[in-house]
Protein backbone atom coordinates (compact mmCIF):
# COMPACT_ATOMS: atom_id res chain seq x y z
CA MET A 1 14.44 5.19 -22.30
CA THR A 2 17.53 5.15 -20.05
CA LEU A 3 17.33 4.35 -16.35
CA SER A 4 18.41 7.87 -15.41
CA ARG A 5 15.63 9.29 -17.60
CA ARG A 6 13.02 6.98 -16.06
CA LEU A 7 14.10 7.83 -12.53
CA ALA A 8 14.07 11.54 -13.34
CA LEU A 9 10.50 11.20 -14.59
CA ALA A 10 9.56 9.33 -11.43
CA VAL A 11 10.89 12.15 -9.28
CA LEU A 12 8.82 14.64 -11.27
CA GLY A 13 5.74 12.43 -10.97
CA LEU A 14 5.50 11.99 -14.75
CA ALA A 15 4.53 8.76 -16.46
CA TRP A 16 3.83 7.15 -19.79
CA TRP A 17 1.31 4.49 -18.75
CA PRO A 18 -0.84 3.59 -21.80
CA ALA A 19 -4.20 5.38 -21.81
CA ARG A 20 -6.08 2.10 -22.32
CA ALA A 21 -4.65 0.67 -19.07
CA THR A 22 -5.21 3.57 -16.67
CA GLU A 23 -7.38 1.25 -14.56
CA PRO A 24 -6.07 -2.26 -13.88
CA LEU A 25 -8.01 -5.42 -14.64
CA LEU A 26 -10.06 -6.54 -11.63
CA ALA A 27 -11.39 -10.04 -11.03
CA ARG A 28 -14.90 -11.31 -10.62
CA THR A 29 -15.75 -14.34 -8.46
CA ALA A 30 -15.60 -17.60 -10.40
CA PRO A 31 -19.07 -19.05 -10.98
CA PRO A 32 -19.90 -22.53 -9.58
CA GLY A 33 -18.66 -25.27 -11.86
CA VAL A 34 -16.34 -23.02 -13.86
CA ASP A 35 -14.54 -24.88 -16.66
CA PRO A 36 -10.80 -24.04 -16.35
CA GLN A 37 -9.80 -25.07 -19.87
CA PRO A 38 -10.12 -21.58 -21.48
CA TYR A 39 -7.94 -20.08 -18.73
CA LEU A 40 -4.39 -19.91 -17.44
CA VAL A 41 -4.34 -20.43 -13.67
CA SER A 42 -2.08 -18.89 -11.04
CA GLU A 43 -2.00 -18.58 -7.27
CA LYS A 44 -3.91 -15.61 -5.83
CA LEU A 45 -1.29 -13.60 -3.96
CA ASP A 46 -2.31 -11.72 -0.82
CA GLY A 47 0.00 -8.83 -1.62
CA VAL A 48 -0.21 -5.16 -2.52
CA ARG A 49 -1.19 -4.30 -6.11
CA ALA A 50 1.44 -2.18 -7.81
CA LEU A 51 1.49 -0.63 -11.30
CA TRP A 52 4.78 0.25 -13.01
CA ASP A 53 4.48 2.69 -15.90
CA GLY A 54 8.12 2.67 -16.97
CA ALA A 55 8.95 5.65 -14.74
CA SER A 56 7.20 5.24 -11.40
CA LEU A 57 5.68 2.52 -9.25
CA ARG A 58 2.19 3.29 -7.93
CA PHE A 59 -0.47 1.72 -5.79
CA ARG A 60 -3.88 1.04 -7.30
CA SER A 61 -5.02 4.31 -5.71
CA GLY A 62 -2.47 6.20 -7.83
CA ARG A 63 -0.18 7.09 -4.93
CA THR A 64 3.53 6.57 -5.49
CA VAL A 65 5.22 3.60 -3.83
CA ALA A 66 8.30 4.81 -1.97
CA ALA A 67 10.52 1.98 -3.17
CA PRO A 68 14.34 2.15 -2.98
CA VAL A 69 16.18 3.36 -6.08
CA TRP A 70 17.97 0.01 -6.44
CA PHE A 71 14.57 -1.75 -6.51
CA LEU A 72 13.20 0.54 -9.23
CA ALA A 73 16.42 0.13 -11.21
CA GLN A 74 15.53 -3.55 -11.76
CA LEU A 75 12.24 -2.69 -13.50
CA PRO A 76 12.18 -2.49 -17.33
CA PRO A 77 11.13 0.48 -19.48
CA GLN A 78 7.72 -1.04 -20.15
CA PRO A 79 4.48 -1.02 -18.13
CA LEU A 80 3.95 -3.88 -15.68
CA ASP A 81 1.06 -4.92 -13.46
CA GLY A 82 1.56 -7.14 -10.45
CA GLU A 83 1.76 -7.40 -6.69
CA LEU A 84 4.44 -6.61 -4.17
CA TRP A 85 4.73 -9.76 -2.08
CA MET A 86 6.79 -11.15 0.80
CA GLY A 87 5.21 -14.58 1.02
CA ARG A 88 2.09 -16.25 2.30
CA ARG A 89 0.51 -14.95 5.50
CA ARG A 90 2.77 -11.88 5.59
CA PHE A 91 0.37 -9.21 4.33
CA ASP A 92 0.44 -7.09 7.49
CA GLU A 93 4.24 -7.11 7.53
CA LEU A 94 4.35 -6.21 3.83
CA SER A 95 1.80 -3.44 4.29
CA ALA A 96 4.00 -1.77 6.90
CA VAL A 97 7.07 -2.01 4.66
CA VAL A 98 5.57 -0.55 1.47
CA ARG A 99 3.67 2.27 3.22
CA ARG A 100 6.75 3.88 4.78
CA ALA A 101 7.49 7.32 3.36
CA VAL A 102 11.20 6.52 3.62
CA PRO A 103 11.99 2.95 2.49
CA VAL A 104 14.13 0.71 4.66
CA ASP A 105 16.55 -1.22 2.48
CA ALA A 106 16.76 -4.27 4.75
CA GLU A 107 12.98 -4.64 4.64
CA TRP A 108 12.71 -4.15 0.87
CA ARG A 109 15.32 -6.89 0.30
CA GLN A 110 12.53 -9.30 1.28
CA VAL A 111 10.01 -7.83 -1.21
CA ARG A 112 9.54 -9.10 -4.75
CA TYR A 113 7.41 -7.70 -7.57
CA HIS A 114 5.29 -10.58 -8.84
CA VAL A 115 4.21 -9.60 -12.35
CA PHE A 116 1.05 -10.99 -13.95
CA GLU A 117 0.29 -8.59 -16.83
CA LEU A 118 1.94 -6.43 -19.49
CA PRO A 119 -0.53 -3.54 -19.95
CA GLY A 120 1.35 -2.04 -22.90
CA ALA A 121 1.60 -5.26 -24.91
CA GLY A 122 -0.77 -6.69 -27.49
CA GLY A 123 -1.84 -10.18 -28.39
CA ARG A 124 -3.53 -12.81 -26.28
CA PHE A 125 -2.81 -13.25 -22.57
CA ALA A 126 -1.08 -16.57 -23.28
CA GLU A 127 1.38 -14.70 -25.50
CA ARG A 128 1.94 -12.00 -22.90
CA ALA A 129 2.48 -14.66 -20.21
CA ALA A 130 5.27 -16.11 -22.35
CA GLN A 131 6.85 -12.64 -22.65
CA MET A 132 6.67 -12.17 -18.87
CA ARG A 133 8.72 -15.30 -18.25
CA ALA A 134 11.74 -13.51 -19.74
CA LEU A 135 11.53 -10.60 -17.27
CA GLY A 136 12.64 -12.39 -14.11
CA ASN A 137 15.53 -10.88 -12.17
CA ALA A 138 16.52 -10.12 -8.57
CA VAL A 139 13.32 -8.11 -8.05
CA ILE A 140 10.79 -9.31 -10.65
CA VAL A 141 9.11 -12.70 -10.32
CA PRO A 142 6.88 -13.62 -13.28
CA VAL A 143 3.76 -15.24 -11.84
CA GLU A 144 3.47 -18.84 -13.02
CA GLN A 145 0.51 -19.27 -15.35
CA ALA A 146 -0.53 -22.87 -15.98
CA PRO A 147 -3.31 -24.52 -17.97
CA MET A 148 -5.69 -26.87 -16.17
CA ALA A 149 -7.06 -29.80 -18.15
CA SER A 150 -10.10 -30.43 -15.97
CA ARG A 151 -12.15 -29.13 -13.08
CA ALA A 152 -10.75 -31.94 -10.94
CA ALA A 153 -7.23 -30.66 -11.62
CA LEU A 154 -8.33 -27.12 -10.78
CA LEU A 155 -9.84 -28.16 -7.44
CA ALA A 156 -6.77 -30.23 -6.59
CA ARG A 157 -4.59 -27.18 -7.25
CA LEU A 158 -6.87 -25.02 -5.10
CA LYS A 159 -6.71 -27.53 -2.24
CA ALA A 160 -2.91 -27.65 -2.38
CA VAL A 161 -2.53 -23.86 -2.40
CA VAL A 162 -4.92 -23.34 0.51
CA ALA A 163 -3.30 -26.15 2.52
CA ALA A 164 0.05 -24.40 2.08
CA GLY A 165 -1.34 -21.12 3.42
CA GLY A 166 -2.36 -19.49 0.15
CA GLU A 167 -5.59 -17.60 -0.52
CA GLY A 168 -6.84 -19.28 -3.67
CA LEU A 169 -6.44 -19.15 -7.45
CA MET A 170 -6.76 -16.67 -10.29
CA LEU A 171 -8.11 -17.71 -13.69
CA HIS A 172 -7.16 -15.44 -16.62
CA ARG A 173 -8.64 -16.13 -20.06
CA ALA A 174 -5.79 -17.34 -22.25
CA ASP A 175 -7.27 -15.53 -25.26
CA ALA A 176 -7.90 -12.25 -23.43
CA PRO A 177 -6.58 -8.93 -24.78
CA VAL A 178 -5.29 -6.30 -22.38
CA ALA A 179 -8.35 -5.07 -20.47
CA SER A 180 -9.21 -2.88 -17.50
CA GLY A 181 -11.93 -2.64 -14.87
CA ARG A 182 -13.98 -5.46 -13.36
CA SER A 183 -14.26 -8.24 -15.95
CA ASP A 184 -15.10 -11.91 -16.46
CA LEU A 185 -11.78 -12.21 -18.30
CA LEU A 186 -10.22 -12.62 -14.84
CA LEU A 187 -11.79 -14.78 -12.13
CA LYS A 188 -10.85 -15.51 -8.53
CA LEU A 189 -11.51 -18.88 -6.93
CA LYS A 190 -11.34 -19.11 -3.14
CA PRO A 191 -12.86 -21.28 -0.39
CA LEU A 192 -14.55 -18.09 0.84
CA ALA A 193 -15.65 -15.31 -1.48
CA ASP A 194 -14.58 -11.72 -0.94
CA ALA A 195 -15.94 -8.39 -2.11
CA GLU A 196 -15.71 -4.66 -1.52
CA ALA A 197 -18.29 -2.22 -0.16
CA VAL A 198 -18.38 1.44 0.91
CA VAL A 199 -18.81 2.51 4.53
CA VAL A 200 -22.01 4.54 4.90
CA GLY A 201 -22.31 4.59 8.68
CA HIS A 202 -21.25 3.24 12.07
CA GLU A 203 -23.34 1.39 14.63
CA PRO A 204 -22.32 2.00 18.27
CA GLY A 205 -21.02 -0.99 20.21
CA ARG A 206 -22.67 -2.52 23.25
CA GLY A 207 -21.38 -4.48 26.22
CA ARG A 208 -17.63 -4.96 25.93
CA TYR A 209 -17.67 -2.73 22.83
CA ALA A 210 -19.48 0.17 24.51
CA GLY A 211 -17.92 3.46 23.45
CA GLN A 212 -16.48 1.84 20.33
CA MET A 213 -17.74 0.82 16.91
CA GLY A 214 -20.02 -2.18 17.03
CA ALA A 215 -20.58 -2.63 13.30
CA LEU A 216 -20.00 -0.91 9.99
CA GLU A 217 -22.96 -0.06 7.79
CA LEU A 218 -21.93 -0.90 4.23
CA ARG A 219 -23.30 -0.42 0.72
CA THR A 220 -22.27 -2.74 -2.11
CA PRO A 221 -21.79 -1.57 -5.72
CA GLU A 222 -25.24 -3.07 -6.40
CA GLY A 223 -26.81 -0.84 -3.74
CA ILE A 224 -27.31 -3.59 -1.13
CA ARG A 225 -26.89 -2.30 2.42
CA PHE A 226 -25.86 -4.52 5.33
CA LYS A 227 -24.03 -4.44 8.66
CA LEU A 228 -20.57 -5.89 9.21
CA GLY A 229 -19.71 -6.58 12.84
CA THR A 230 -17.01 -9.26 12.94
CA GLY A 231 -13.34 -9.51 12.06
CA PHE A 232 -12.23 -6.25 13.70
CA SER A 233 -9.38 -5.77 16.14
CA ASP A 234 -9.91 -3.65 19.26
CA ALA A 235 -7.81 -0.89 17.64
CA GLN A 236 -10.02 -0.94 14.56
CA ARG A 237 -13.14 -0.70 16.71
CA ARG A 238 -11.69 2.32 18.51
CA GLN A 239 -10.78 3.97 15.19
CA PRO A 240 -12.98 2.39 12.50
CA PRO A 241 -12.78 3.04 8.76
CA PRO A 242 -14.46 6.40 8.07
CA VAL A 243 -17.62 6.94 6.10
CA GLY A 244 -16.70 6.87 2.41
CA ALA A 245 -13.88 4.34 2.82
CA THR A 246 -13.95 1.14 0.79
CA VAL A 247 -13.45 -2.07 2.76
CA THR A 248 -12.86 -5.69 1.78
CA TYR A 249 -14.88 -8.42 3.50
CA ARG A 250 -15.15 -12.20 3.20
CA TYR A 251 -18.40 -14.14 3.17
CA ARG A 252 -19.75 -17.65 2.60
CA ASP A 253 -22.63 -17.02 0.21
CA LEU A 254 -25.50 -14.60 -0.50
CA THR A 255 -29.07 -14.49 0.75
CA PRO A 256 -31.89 -14.39 -1.84
CA GLY A 257 -31.87 -10.62 -1.29
CA GLY A 258 -28.19 -10.34 -2.16
CA LYS A 259 -26.80 -9.81 1.36
CA PRO A 260 -23.62 -11.69 2.31
CA ARG A 261 -23.90 -14.50 4.85
CA PHE A 262 -21.29 -14.86 7.63
CA ALA A 263 -19.43 -11.76 6.46
CA SER A 264 -16.17 -10.81 8.18
CA PHE A 265 -13.97 -7.71 7.83
CA VAL A 266 -10.61 -8.17 6.09
CA ARG A 267 -9.08 -4.72 5.61
CA VAL A 268 -9.56 -1.23 4.27
CA ALA A 269 -9.40 -1.75 0.52
CA ASP A 270 -8.34 1.77 -0.48
CA GLU A 271 -5.35 2.07 1.86
CA PHE A 272 -3.20 1.65 -1.25
């Protein structure tokens, strides 16, 4: 498919994303003592998930990313899965850039598309990772996937990434086929766990938070309900995520009843 044809399809909102990959692969939390040898390991990027179908670039929500034409012109005529990224500790800056309805070229010159999957390809993930290494250009950065010989090596890698300002690691089964949805084929390893839950209510604030939101009432996919009251800015307390929104939170561990301990708000998960 020619570039002009792909861009024309993007304008019309058409796509040819493979039916089996309509939902991207989502990670589960790595279990304690996970053996890294069956996996390829990469850094967990705190970016914005983006899916390229050969014609248009979309957020995980399905909304189109308003990327510049020159940026899209660097993407190949095959489906890609990855994250838009500007570097460690720059998520808020990146979020503002990629959400603009009219892209600003100078801002997008700082954005790269870090690719970690080929949804339209076959074979094992190790084979697809080798194919991805050939895709690098001015816009695409193939995410480095490395084997880890031992748990000690894995923990040393995690320590180095976190010390440098990174979030953690991703472990992708080297023998995995293309898959979608939440799966043990892909694991995330972080000093603090994170998860998503749906907002089901708001608790009014007290004291300095009087007249604002004091805590979100959340429900996990397992049906566990709990309150989340930390990690919010004053602006977020004045205008909290609405009922029905999905939010991401971090926590240390779980109570015997399944509620997160020391949970803290991160962001609205379905903004993209």
